Structures are given as structure tokens and as C-alpha cells.
Amino acid sequence: MTIPARHLQPYRRAAQAPVLVALLLLALLAAAPSAAAESCGKKVIDDWYADGRVDGTFPPHCYDDAIEILPRDVRDYSSAKEDIERALQARLNNKPAPPATTDPTPGGATPRKTPAKPGTKPVVKGQPRARPTPGDEEPGEAGAPLDTASADSVPIPLLVLGGLALLLVAAGSAGYLTRRLQARRLPPPGT
């Protein structure tokens, strides 16, 4: 005697349910360490973002995880990777955190003193400059020096290309006007 297939369907589903639950639990357990490692590495990165150095003490694998999850622009354009590696070395040697090599927050919360010329007051970054008195500035200095390397400045090649574009538009306009004036001239009277 054979049992029809439609009568066995509920038993098949009941047998598949524990297998699916076991696979789901296995997937969750496999994902948990990577999520924990990611948050551990993120804590190291957050510590670096605060002041440009890793002050906290983390398990050694957290430093490696932080380097792996660093955003590409931060890895390429800052010293974050090197700072985190130096913090790892200091941690492994039971030494204090090394000093910061760059400031991760432009115009950041902690003002830095920049070196001043002899005989002048130091300038504190992030604070407005005092206006110089007439005797303070050096002779021949028309204004503050241009800082073409900062992100706020206009790039010199852009200025050159803009000037060249204006020159080309002016030359094209002059040629167009010259042709129009020549076309308006009346032909000489015939004899």
C-alpha cells in the first residue's frame, strides 16, 4: 500500500523546519564575530578621529581591524594608518600612546600654536588674528601671504585656465566683429 504524496507534505515541512532554524543560527553565529570586530576597529578609528592619536587601550586585533576598515580617503590622505600602527606597537611594548602626527579635524576643537617669527606673538590656529599696528608689518608686505596648499584657496592652474579661456573668447569676438564690419562695407561705385 502506498501513501499519496499530498499526505506526506506536512511531514516534510516539519522535518525541514529544524534544519532551517539550525542554518539560521549557524549564520548568526558566524556573523557575530565580524560584527564585534568591526565595532572594535571602529572604536579605535573613533579614538583617532578625536585628536589624531589613539589614546585608549584596545586588544591587539582591534588595531588590525581598524586598519582594514579605514575609509579609503582617510587611509590615503592622512596618517591614520601609520598612527594606528604606531599605537599598536606601543600597546605591544606596554608604552604610552605616541603623539599625533596630523590633526584629523581641520579648524578643530583643540587650537594649535603655530611657530612664529622671532619677536612676534605666536598665532593660535582657530582663533582670529589681531590686526597689526602700522609698525608691526614688514616693509614691502602688501597683505597676508597666500596659502595655495590649503583646501580653502583657489588653485592657481584654475586661475590660469580661466584667464586663457577669457582671452580666447575675446579673440574670437574680435574676429567675429571684424568680419561683420567688413561685410557691411559698401562696394566701390562702378564706372
N, C-alpha and C. Protein backbone atom coordinates (compact mmCIF):
# COMPACT_ATOMS: atom_id res chain seq x y z
N MET A 1 0.82 -1.16 0.00
CA MET A 1 0.00 0.00 0.00
C MET A 1 0.89 1.26 0.00
N THR A 2 0.56 2.22 -0.85
CA THR A 2 1.33 3.45 -0.98
C THR A 2 0.53 4.62 -0.41
N ILE A 3 1.24 5.57 0.13
CA ILE A 3 0.61 6.77 0.70
C ILE A 3 0.72 7.88 -0.35
N PRO A 4 -0.38 8.58 -0.64
CA PRO A 4 -0.31 9.66 -1.62
C PRO A 4 0.67 10.76 -1.16
N ALA A 5 1.29 11.44 -2.13
CA ALA A 5 2.31 12.46 -1.86
C ALA A 5 1.73 13.65 -1.12
N ARG A 6 0.48 13.99 -1.37
CA ARG A 6 -0.09 15.16 -0.71
C ARG A 6 -0.25 14.94 0.79
N HIS A 7 -0.36 13.71 1.23
CA HIS A 7 -0.47 13.41 2.66
C HIS A 7 0.89 13.50 3.36
N LEU A 8 2.01 13.36 2.62
CA LEU A 8 3.35 13.42 3.22
C LEU A 8 3.90 14.85 3.30
N GLN A 9 3.29 15.79 2.62
CA GLN A 9 3.81 17.16 2.57
C GLN A 9 3.93 17.80 3.96
N PRO A 10 2.97 17.72 4.85
CA PRO A 10 3.14 18.33 6.18
C PRO A 10 4.31 17.72 6.94
N TYR A 11 4.58 16.44 6.77
CA TYR A 11 5.69 15.80 7.47
C TYR A 11 7.04 16.29 6.92
N ARG A 12 7.10 16.53 5.62
CA ARG A 12 8.34 17.06 5.02
C ARG A 12 8.63 18.45 5.55
N ARG A 13 7.60 19.31 5.62
CA ARG A 13 7.79 20.67 6.13
C ARG A 13 8.23 20.62 7.60
N ALA A 14 7.65 19.75 8.36
CA ALA A 14 8.03 19.62 9.77
C ALA A 14 9.47 19.16 9.91
N ALA A 15 9.95 18.34 9.01
CA ALA A 15 11.33 17.87 9.06
C ALA A 15 12.30 18.95 8.57
N GLN A 16 11.85 19.83 7.67
CA GLN A 16 12.72 20.89 7.14
C GLN A 16 12.86 22.05 8.12
N ALA A 17 11.87 22.29 8.96
CA ALA A 17 11.89 23.44 9.87
C ALA A 17 13.10 23.41 10.81
N PRO A 18 13.41 22.31 11.49
CA PRO A 18 14.60 22.33 12.37
C PRO A 18 15.90 22.54 11.60
N VAL A 19 15.97 22.03 10.38
CA VAL A 19 17.17 22.23 9.57
C VAL A 19 17.33 23.70 9.24
N LEU A 20 16.25 24.39 8.86
CA LEU A 20 16.31 25.82 8.54
C LEU A 20 16.67 26.64 9.77
N VAL A 21 16.12 26.31 10.93
CA VAL A 21 16.44 27.03 12.16
C VAL A 21 17.92 26.83 12.50
N ALA A 22 18.44 25.63 12.33
CA ALA A 22 19.85 25.36 12.61
C ALA A 22 20.75 26.16 11.67
N LEU A 23 20.39 26.24 10.40
CA LEU A 23 21.19 27.02 9.44
C LEU A 23 21.15 28.51 9.77
N LEU A 24 20.00 29.01 10.19
CA LEU A 24 19.88 30.42 10.58
C LEU A 24 20.75 30.72 11.79
N LEU A 25 20.73 29.85 12.80
CA LEU A 25 21.57 30.04 13.98
C LEU A 25 23.06 29.98 13.63
N LEU A 26 23.41 29.09 12.75
CA LEU A 26 24.80 28.99 12.31
C LEU A 26 25.25 30.27 11.60
N ALA A 27 24.38 30.82 10.75
CA ALA A 27 24.71 32.07 10.05
C ALA A 27 24.85 33.22 11.03
N LEU A 28 23.99 33.28 12.03
CA LEU A 28 24.09 34.35 13.03
C LEU A 28 25.36 34.23 13.86
N LEU A 29 25.72 33.02 14.23
CA LEU A 29 26.94 32.82 15.00
C LEU A 29 28.18 33.16 14.20
N ALA A 30 28.15 32.90 12.91
CA ALA A 30 29.30 33.21 12.06
C ALA A 30 29.42 34.71 11.85
N ALA A 31 28.31 35.43 11.81
CA ALA A 31 28.34 36.87 11.58
C ALA A 31 28.66 37.65 12.84
N ALA A 32 28.44 37.09 14.01
CA ALA A 32 28.66 37.81 15.27
C ALA A 32 30.11 38.22 15.48
N PRO A 33 31.12 37.38 15.25
CA PRO A 33 32.50 37.83 15.46
C PRO A 33 32.90 38.96 14.52
N SER A 34 32.44 38.93 13.28
CA SER A 34 32.82 40.00 12.35
C SER A 34 32.16 41.31 12.77
N ALA A 35 30.94 41.27 13.28
CA ALA A 35 30.28 42.48 13.75
C ALA A 35 30.99 43.03 14.99
N ALA A 36 31.41 42.14 15.87
CA ALA A 36 32.13 42.58 17.06
C ALA A 36 33.48 43.15 16.68
N ALA A 37 34.17 42.53 15.73
CA ALA A 37 35.46 43.03 15.30
C ALA A 37 35.30 44.39 14.63
N GLU A 38 34.24 44.55 13.88
CA GLU A 38 34.02 45.82 13.20
C GLU A 38 33.81 46.93 14.21
N SER A 39 33.03 46.66 15.26
CA SER A 39 32.79 47.70 16.25
C SER A 39 34.07 47.97 17.05
N CYS A 40 34.87 46.95 17.29
CA CYS A 40 36.13 47.13 18.00
C CYS A 40 37.07 48.02 17.17
N GLY A 41 37.18 47.74 15.88
CA GLY A 41 38.00 48.56 15.00
C GLY A 41 37.45 49.97 14.87
N LYS A 42 36.13 50.08 14.87
CA LYS A 42 35.50 51.40 14.77
C LYS A 42 35.82 52.24 16.00
N LYS A 43 35.91 51.59 17.17
CA LYS A 43 36.27 52.32 18.39
C LYS A 43 37.67 52.90 18.28
N VAL A 44 38.59 52.13 17.69
CA VAL A 44 39.96 52.62 17.50
C VAL A 44 39.96 53.82 16.55
N ILE A 45 39.20 53.71 15.45
CA ILE A 45 39.14 54.82 14.49
C ILE A 45 38.51 56.05 15.13
N ASP A 46 37.44 55.86 15.91
CA ASP A 46 36.81 56.99 16.59
C ASP A 46 37.78 57.65 17.56
N ASP A 47 38.59 56.84 18.24
CA ASP A 47 39.59 57.39 19.15
C ASP A 47 40.61 58.22 18.38
N TRP A 48 41.01 57.75 17.20
CA TRP A 48 41.96 58.51 16.38
C TRP A 48 41.33 59.80 15.87
N TYR A 49 40.05 59.75 15.45
CA TYR A 49 39.38 60.95 14.95
C TYR A 49 39.29 62.04 16.02
N ALA A 50 39.25 61.67 17.28
CA ALA A 50 39.08 62.65 18.35
C ALA A 50 40.24 63.65 18.39
N ASP A 51 41.49 63.17 18.31
CA ASP A 51 42.60 64.10 18.43
C ASP A 51 43.83 63.71 17.60
N GLY A 52 43.67 62.79 16.67
CA GLY A 52 44.79 62.42 15.81
C GLY A 52 45.73 61.40 16.42
N ARG A 53 45.33 60.80 17.51
CA ARG A 53 46.14 59.76 18.14
C ARG A 53 45.21 58.76 18.81
N VAL A 54 45.73 57.57 19.04
CA VAL A 54 44.96 56.53 19.70
C VAL A 54 45.38 56.52 21.16
N ASP A 55 44.52 57.09 22.01
CA ASP A 55 44.84 57.20 23.43
C ASP A 55 44.40 55.97 24.22
N GLY A 56 43.32 55.34 23.78
CA GLY A 56 42.77 54.20 24.52
C GLY A 56 43.62 52.96 24.37
N THR A 57 43.32 51.97 25.23
CA THR A 57 43.99 50.68 25.16
C THR A 57 42.97 49.67 24.67
N PHE A 58 43.29 49.02 23.56
CA PHE A 58 42.40 48.06 22.93
C PHE A 58 43.13 46.74 22.76
N PRO A 59 42.38 45.65 22.57
CA PRO A 59 43.04 44.37 22.26
C PRO A 59 43.81 44.52 20.94
N PRO A 60 44.93 43.82 20.80
CA PRO A 60 45.76 43.99 19.60
C PRO A 60 45.02 43.76 18.28
N HIS A 61 44.07 42.84 18.24
CA HIS A 61 43.38 42.58 16.97
C HIS A 61 42.51 43.77 16.57
N CYS A 62 42.12 44.62 17.52
CA CYS A 62 41.28 45.78 17.19
C CYS A 62 42.04 46.78 16.30
N TYR A 63 43.34 46.92 16.53
CA TYR A 63 44.13 47.83 15.72
C TYR A 63 44.18 47.35 14.27
N ASP A 64 44.37 46.05 14.08
CA ASP A 64 44.38 45.49 12.72
C ASP A 64 43.02 45.63 12.06
N ASP A 65 41.95 45.40 12.84
CA ASP A 65 40.60 45.56 12.29
C ASP A 65 40.36 47.00 11.89
N ALA A 66 40.87 47.95 12.68
CA ALA A 66 40.68 49.36 12.36
C ALA A 66 41.37 49.72 11.06
N ILE A 67 42.56 49.20 10.85
CA ILE A 67 43.29 49.49 9.60
C ILE A 67 42.54 48.91 8.41
N GLU A 68 41.95 47.73 8.59
CA GLU A 68 41.21 47.10 7.49
C GLU A 68 39.95 47.87 7.12
N ILE A 69 39.27 48.48 8.10
CA ILE A 69 38.01 49.16 7.79
C ILE A 69 38.17 50.67 7.64
N LEU A 70 39.41 51.17 7.62
CA LEU A 70 39.61 52.60 7.40
C LEU A 70 39.02 53.00 6.05
N PRO A 71 38.29 54.11 5.99
CA PRO A 71 37.83 54.59 4.68
C PRO A 71 39.03 54.90 3.79
N ARG A 72 38.86 54.68 2.51
CA ARG A 72 39.98 54.82 1.57
C ARG A 72 40.59 56.22 1.60
N ASP A 73 39.75 57.27 1.65
CA ASP A 73 40.30 58.62 1.64
C ASP A 73 41.08 58.92 2.92
N VAL A 74 40.63 58.40 4.05
CA VAL A 74 41.37 58.61 5.30
C VAL A 74 42.69 57.86 5.24
N ARG A 75 42.70 56.66 4.69
CA ARG A 75 43.94 55.88 4.59
C ARG A 75 44.93 56.57 3.65
N ASP A 76 44.43 57.13 2.53
CA ASP A 76 45.31 57.71 1.52
C ASP A 76 45.79 59.12 1.87
N TYR A 77 44.93 59.92 2.50
CA TYR A 77 45.25 61.33 2.67
C TYR A 77 45.51 61.76 4.10
N SER A 78 45.68 60.82 5.00
CA SER A 78 46.02 61.17 6.37
C SER A 78 47.04 60.17 6.90
N SER A 79 47.46 60.39 8.11
CA SER A 79 48.42 59.48 8.72
C SER A 79 47.73 58.48 9.64
N ALA A 80 46.44 58.25 9.43
CA ALA A 80 45.69 57.38 10.33
C ALA A 80 46.29 55.98 10.39
N LYS A 81 46.61 55.40 9.24
CA LYS A 81 47.14 54.04 9.23
C LYS A 81 48.44 53.97 10.02
N GLU A 82 49.34 54.91 9.78
CA GLU A 82 50.62 54.91 10.48
C GLU A 82 50.43 55.16 11.97
N ASP A 83 49.51 56.07 12.33
CA ASP A 83 49.26 56.37 13.74
C ASP A 83 48.70 55.15 14.46
N ILE A 84 47.80 54.43 13.80
CA ILE A 84 47.22 53.23 14.43
C ILE A 84 48.27 52.14 14.56
N GLU A 85 49.13 52.00 13.54
CA GLU A 85 50.21 51.00 13.63
C GLU A 85 51.19 51.34 14.75
N ARG A 86 51.50 52.64 14.91
CA ARG A 86 52.40 53.04 16.00
C ARG A 86 51.74 52.81 17.36
N ALA A 87 50.43 53.05 17.44
CA ALA A 87 49.71 52.80 18.70
C ALA A 87 49.72 51.30 19.02
N LEU A 88 49.60 50.46 17.99
CA LEU A 88 49.67 49.02 18.21
C LEU A 88 51.04 48.61 18.74
N GLN A 89 52.09 49.16 18.13
CA GLN A 89 53.44 48.85 18.60
C GLN A 89 53.64 49.32 20.04
N ALA A 90 53.14 50.50 20.36
CA ALA A 90 53.26 51.00 21.73
C ALA A 90 52.47 50.11 22.69
N ARG A 91 51.32 49.65 22.27
CA ARG A 91 50.49 48.77 23.10
C ARG A 91 51.20 47.45 23.36
N LEU A 92 51.81 46.88 22.30
CA LEU A 92 52.51 45.61 22.45
C LEU A 92 53.74 45.73 23.34
N ASN A 93 54.36 46.93 23.36
CA ASN A 93 55.55 47.15 24.18
C ASN A 93 55.22 47.79 25.52
N ASN A 94 53.93 47.89 25.86
CA ASN A 94 53.48 48.48 27.13
C ASN A 94 54.02 49.89 27.33
N LYS A 95 53.96 50.70 26.27
CA LYS A 95 54.39 52.10 26.33
C LYS A 95 53.17 52.99 26.17
N PRO A 96 53.27 54.27 26.53
CA PRO A 96 52.13 55.18 26.34
C PRO A 96 51.90 55.46 24.86
N ALA A 97 50.73 55.98 24.55
CA ALA A 97 50.36 56.26 23.16
C ALA A 97 51.31 57.30 22.57
N PRO A 98 51.73 57.09 21.32
CA PRO A 98 52.62 58.05 20.68
C PRO A 98 51.87 59.34 20.34
N PRO A 99 52.59 60.46 20.16
CA PRO A 99 51.93 61.73 19.85
C PRO A 99 51.34 61.71 18.44
N ALA A 100 50.39 62.59 18.20
CA ALA A 100 49.73 62.69 16.90
C ALA A 100 50.69 63.29 15.88
N THR A 101 50.58 62.85 14.64
CA THR A 101 51.40 63.43 13.57
C THR A 101 50.60 64.41 12.72
N THR A 102 49.27 64.28 12.71
CA THR A 102 48.42 65.23 11.98
C THR A 102 47.20 65.53 12.82
N ASP A 103 46.51 66.61 12.46
CA ASP A 103 45.27 66.97 13.12
C ASP A 103 44.12 66.51 12.24
N PRO A 104 43.31 65.52 12.67
CA PRO A 104 42.26 64.99 11.81
C PRO A 104 41.08 65.92 11.63
N THR A 105 40.98 66.97 12.46
CA THR A 105 39.84 67.88 12.38
C THR A 105 40.32 69.25 11.94
N PRO A 106 40.15 69.61 10.65
CA PRO A 106 40.59 70.93 10.18
C PRO A 106 39.85 72.02 10.94
N GLY A 107 40.59 72.99 11.47
CA GLY A 107 39.96 74.04 12.26
C GLY A 107 39.33 73.46 13.50
N GLY A 108 39.95 72.39 13.99
CA GLY A 108 39.35 71.54 15.02
C GLY A 108 39.14 72.21 16.36
N ALA A 109 38.68 71.41 17.29
CA ALA A 109 38.29 71.89 18.60
C ALA A 109 39.50 72.29 19.45
N THR A 110 40.63 71.64 19.25
CA THR A 110 41.80 71.97 20.05
C THR A 110 42.72 72.87 19.25
N PRO A 111 42.88 74.13 19.65
CA PRO A 111 43.75 75.03 18.89
C PRO A 111 45.20 74.64 19.06
N ARG A 112 45.95 74.78 17.98
CA ARG A 112 47.38 74.51 17.99
C ARG A 112 48.13 75.81 17.81
N LYS A 113 49.26 75.90 18.47
CA LYS A 113 50.10 77.06 18.26
C LYS A 113 51.02 76.80 17.08
N THR A 114 51.07 77.77 16.16
CA THR A 114 51.98 77.64 15.04
C THR A 114 53.23 78.45 15.36
N PRO A 115 54.37 78.00 14.88
CA PRO A 115 55.60 78.73 15.20
C PRO A 115 55.55 80.13 14.62
N ALA A 116 56.04 81.08 15.39
CA ALA A 116 56.03 82.48 14.97
C ALA A 116 57.45 82.92 14.67
N LYS A 117 57.54 84.05 13.96
CA LYS A 117 58.84 84.64 13.68
C LYS A 117 59.39 85.21 14.98
N PRO A 118 60.72 85.29 15.10
CA PRO A 118 61.29 85.84 16.32
C PRO A 118 60.81 87.28 16.53
N GLY A 119 60.41 87.59 17.74
CA GLY A 119 59.97 88.94 18.05
C GLY A 119 58.49 89.17 17.82
N THR A 120 57.73 88.15 17.41
CA THR A 120 56.29 88.30 17.20
C THR A 120 55.55 87.34 18.12
N LYS A 121 54.27 87.61 18.28
CA LYS A 121 53.45 86.73 19.11
C LYS A 121 53.07 85.49 18.32
N PRO A 122 52.97 84.31 18.98
CA PRO A 122 52.55 83.10 18.26
C PRO A 122 51.08 83.20 17.86
N VAL A 123 50.77 82.58 16.72
CA VAL A 123 49.40 82.58 16.21
C VAL A 123 48.76 81.27 16.64
N VAL A 124 47.56 81.33 17.19
CA VAL A 124 46.84 80.14 17.60
C VAL A 124 45.83 79.81 16.52
N LYS A 125 45.93 78.60 15.97
CA LYS A 125 45.04 78.17 14.90
C LYS A 125 43.62 78.09 15.41
N GLY A 126 42.66 78.61 14.65
CA GLY A 126 41.27 78.55 15.03
C GLY A 126 40.80 79.81 15.75
N GLN A 127 41.73 80.75 16.04
CA GLN A 127 41.35 82.00 16.67
C GLN A 127 41.65 83.13 15.69
N PRO A 128 40.83 84.20 15.71
CA PRO A 128 41.08 85.31 14.78
C PRO A 128 42.38 86.02 15.09
N ARG A 129 43.01 86.51 14.05
CA ARG A 129 44.26 87.25 14.22
C ARG A 129 43.97 88.68 14.65
N ALA A 130 44.85 89.18 15.46
CA ALA A 130 44.72 90.58 15.86
C ALA A 130 45.21 91.45 14.70
N ARG A 131 44.58 92.60 14.52
CA ARG A 131 45.01 93.49 13.44
C ARG A 131 46.37 94.09 13.79
N PRO A 132 47.27 94.09 12.81
CA PRO A 132 48.60 94.64 13.11
C PRO A 132 48.55 96.15 13.22
N THR A 133 49.40 96.67 14.09
CA THR A 133 49.55 98.12 14.18
C THR A 133 50.47 98.55 13.06
N PRO A 134 50.44 99.81 12.66
CA PRO A 134 51.22 100.24 11.50
C PRO A 134 52.70 99.89 11.55
N GLY A 135 53.30 99.79 12.71
CA GLY A 135 54.72 99.48 12.79
C GLY A 135 55.01 97.98 12.81
N ASP A 136 54.00 97.12 12.90
CA ASP A 136 54.22 95.69 13.05
C ASP A 136 54.59 94.97 11.77
N GLU A 137 53.99 95.34 10.65
CA GLU A 137 54.25 94.56 9.44
C GLU A 137 55.60 94.89 8.84
N GLU A 138 56.12 93.93 8.12
CA GLU A 138 57.42 94.09 7.48
C GLU A 138 57.27 94.99 6.26
N PRO A 139 58.30 95.76 5.94
CA PRO A 139 58.20 96.61 4.75
C PRO A 139 58.12 95.77 3.49
N GLY A 140 57.29 96.20 2.54
CA GLY A 140 57.15 95.50 1.27
C GLY A 140 56.10 94.41 1.29
N GLU A 141 55.47 94.18 2.42
CA GLU A 141 54.46 93.15 2.52
C GLU A 141 53.08 93.80 2.34
N ALA A 142 52.39 93.45 1.24
CA ALA A 142 51.11 94.08 0.93
C ALA A 142 49.97 93.47 1.71
N GLY A 143 50.05 92.23 2.05
CA GLY A 143 48.96 91.56 2.77
C GLY A 143 49.45 90.24 3.31
N ALA A 144 48.51 89.48 3.78
CA ALA A 144 48.86 88.16 4.31
C ALA A 144 49.36 87.27 3.17
N PRO A 145 50.33 86.43 3.43
CA PRO A 145 50.83 85.55 2.37
C PRO A 145 49.74 84.57 1.92
N LEU A 146 49.74 84.25 0.63
CA LEU A 146 48.76 83.31 0.09
C LEU A 146 49.17 81.89 0.43
N ASP A 147 48.23 81.13 0.89
CA ASP A 147 48.46 79.72 1.17
C ASP A 147 47.77 78.92 0.08
N THR A 148 48.51 78.58 -0.97
CA THR A 148 47.91 77.88 -2.11
C THR A 148 47.75 76.39 -1.85
N ALA A 149 48.26 75.90 -0.73
CA ALA A 149 48.16 74.47 -0.44
C ALA A 149 46.93 74.14 0.40
N SER A 150 46.25 75.14 0.94
CA SER A 150 45.09 74.83 1.78
C SER A 150 43.87 74.51 0.93
N ALA A 151 42.90 73.87 1.54
CA ALA A 151 41.69 73.47 0.82
C ALA A 151 40.81 74.66 0.52
N ASP A 152 40.98 75.77 1.22
CA ASP A 152 40.14 76.94 1.01
C ASP A 152 40.63 77.84 -0.12
N SER A 153 41.84 77.66 -0.58
CA SER A 153 42.38 78.55 -1.59
C SER A 153 41.94 78.12 -2.99
N VAL A 154 41.98 79.08 -3.92
CA VAL A 154 41.64 78.79 -5.31
C VAL A 154 42.90 78.26 -5.98
N PRO A 155 42.82 77.15 -6.69
CA PRO A 155 44.01 76.58 -7.32
C PRO A 155 44.55 77.49 -8.43
N ILE A 156 45.84 77.68 -8.45
CA ILE A 156 46.49 78.54 -9.44
C ILE A 156 46.23 78.03 -10.86
N PRO A 157 46.32 76.74 -11.16
CA PRO A 157 46.03 76.30 -12.54
C PRO A 157 44.61 76.65 -12.99
N LEU A 158 43.66 76.66 -12.07
CA LEU A 158 42.30 77.04 -12.42
C LEU A 158 42.24 78.51 -12.82
N LEU A 159 42.97 79.35 -12.11
CA LEU A 159 43.02 80.77 -12.47
C LEU A 159 43.67 80.97 -13.84
N VAL A 160 44.74 80.24 -14.11
CA VAL A 160 45.42 80.36 -15.41
C VAL A 160 44.49 79.90 -16.53
N LEU A 161 43.82 78.78 -16.36
CA LEU A 161 42.90 78.29 -17.39
C LEU A 161 41.72 79.24 -17.59
N GLY A 162 41.22 79.82 -16.51
CA GLY A 162 40.13 80.79 -16.63
C GLY A 162 40.57 82.02 -17.41
N GLY A 163 41.77 82.53 -17.14
CA GLY A 163 42.30 83.67 -17.89
C GLY A 163 42.49 83.34 -19.35
N LEU A 164 42.99 82.14 -19.63
CA LEU A 164 43.19 81.72 -21.02
C LEU A 164 41.86 81.60 -21.75
N ALA A 165 40.84 81.10 -21.05
CA ALA A 165 39.51 80.99 -21.66
C ALA A 165 38.95 82.36 -21.99
N LEU A 166 39.11 83.32 -21.10
CA LEU A 166 38.64 84.68 -21.37
C LEU A 166 39.39 85.30 -22.54
N LEU A 167 40.68 85.06 -22.63
CA LEU A 167 41.47 85.57 -23.74
C LEU A 167 41.01 84.98 -25.07
N LEU A 168 40.72 83.69 -25.10
CA LEU A 168 40.23 83.06 -26.33
C LEU A 168 38.85 83.56 -26.72
N VAL A 169 37.97 83.78 -25.76
CA VAL A 169 36.65 84.33 -26.07
C VAL A 169 36.78 85.74 -26.62
N ALA A 170 37.68 86.54 -26.04
CA ALA A 170 37.89 87.91 -26.53
C ALA A 170 38.45 87.89 -27.95
N ALA A 171 39.39 87.01 -28.25
CA ALA A 171 39.97 86.93 -29.60
C ALA A 171 38.91 86.47 -30.60
N GLY A 172 38.08 85.51 -30.24
CA GLY A 172 37.01 85.05 -31.12
C GLY A 172 35.99 86.14 -31.38
N SER A 173 35.65 86.90 -30.35
CA SER A 173 34.70 88.00 -30.52
C SER A 173 35.27 89.07 -31.42
N ALA A 174 36.55 89.37 -31.28
CA ALA A 174 37.18 90.39 -32.13
C ALA A 174 37.16 89.94 -33.59
N GLY A 175 37.45 88.68 -33.86
CA GLY A 175 37.40 88.17 -35.23
C GLY A 175 36.00 88.23 -35.81
N TYR A 176 35.01 87.89 -35.01
CA TYR A 176 33.62 87.93 -35.47
C TYR A 176 33.20 89.35 -35.81
N LEU A 177 33.54 90.31 -34.93
CA LEU A 177 33.18 91.71 -35.20
C LEU A 177 33.89 92.25 -36.43
N THR A 178 35.13 91.86 -36.63
CA THR A 178 35.88 92.31 -37.81
C THR A 178 35.21 91.82 -39.09
N ARG A 179 34.78 90.57 -39.15
CA ARG A 179 34.10 90.05 -40.33
C ARG A 179 32.78 90.77 -40.58
N ARG A 180 32.03 91.06 -39.51
CA ARG A 180 30.75 91.75 -39.66
C ARG A 180 30.95 93.15 -40.22
N LEU A 181 31.98 93.85 -39.73
CA LEU A 181 32.24 95.20 -40.24
C LEU A 181 32.68 95.17 -41.70
N GLN A 182 33.46 94.19 -42.09
CA GLN A 182 33.90 94.09 -43.48
C GLN A 182 32.72 93.76 -44.40
N ALA A 183 31.77 93.00 -43.91
CA ALA A 183 30.61 92.64 -44.73
C ALA A 183 29.69 93.84 -44.91
N ARG A 184 29.69 94.80 -44.03
CA ARG A 184 28.84 95.99 -44.14
C ARG A 184 29.38 97.03 -45.10
N ARG A 185 30.63 96.98 -45.38
CA ARG A 185 31.22 98.00 -46.28
C ARG A 185 30.53 97.93 -47.64
N LEU A 186 30.29 99.07 -48.14
CA LEU A 186 29.66 99.16 -49.48
C LEU A 186 30.70 98.93 -50.56
N PRO A 187 30.30 98.25 -51.58
CA PRO A 187 31.28 98.06 -52.68
C PRO A 187 31.57 99.42 -53.35
N PRO A 188 32.73 99.58 -53.92
CA PRO A 188 33.07 100.86 -54.58
C PRO A 188 32.12 101.10 -55.78
N PRO A 189 31.77 102.36 -56.02
CA PRO A 189 30.87 102.65 -57.14
C PRO A 189 31.49 102.25 -58.48
N GLY A 190 30.70 101.67 -59.35
CA GLY A 190 31.19 101.24 -60.66
C GLY A 190 31.20 102.40 -61.66
N THR A 191 32.06 102.39 -62.62
CA THR A 191 32.14 103.44 -63.63
C THR A 191 31.57 103.07 -64.94
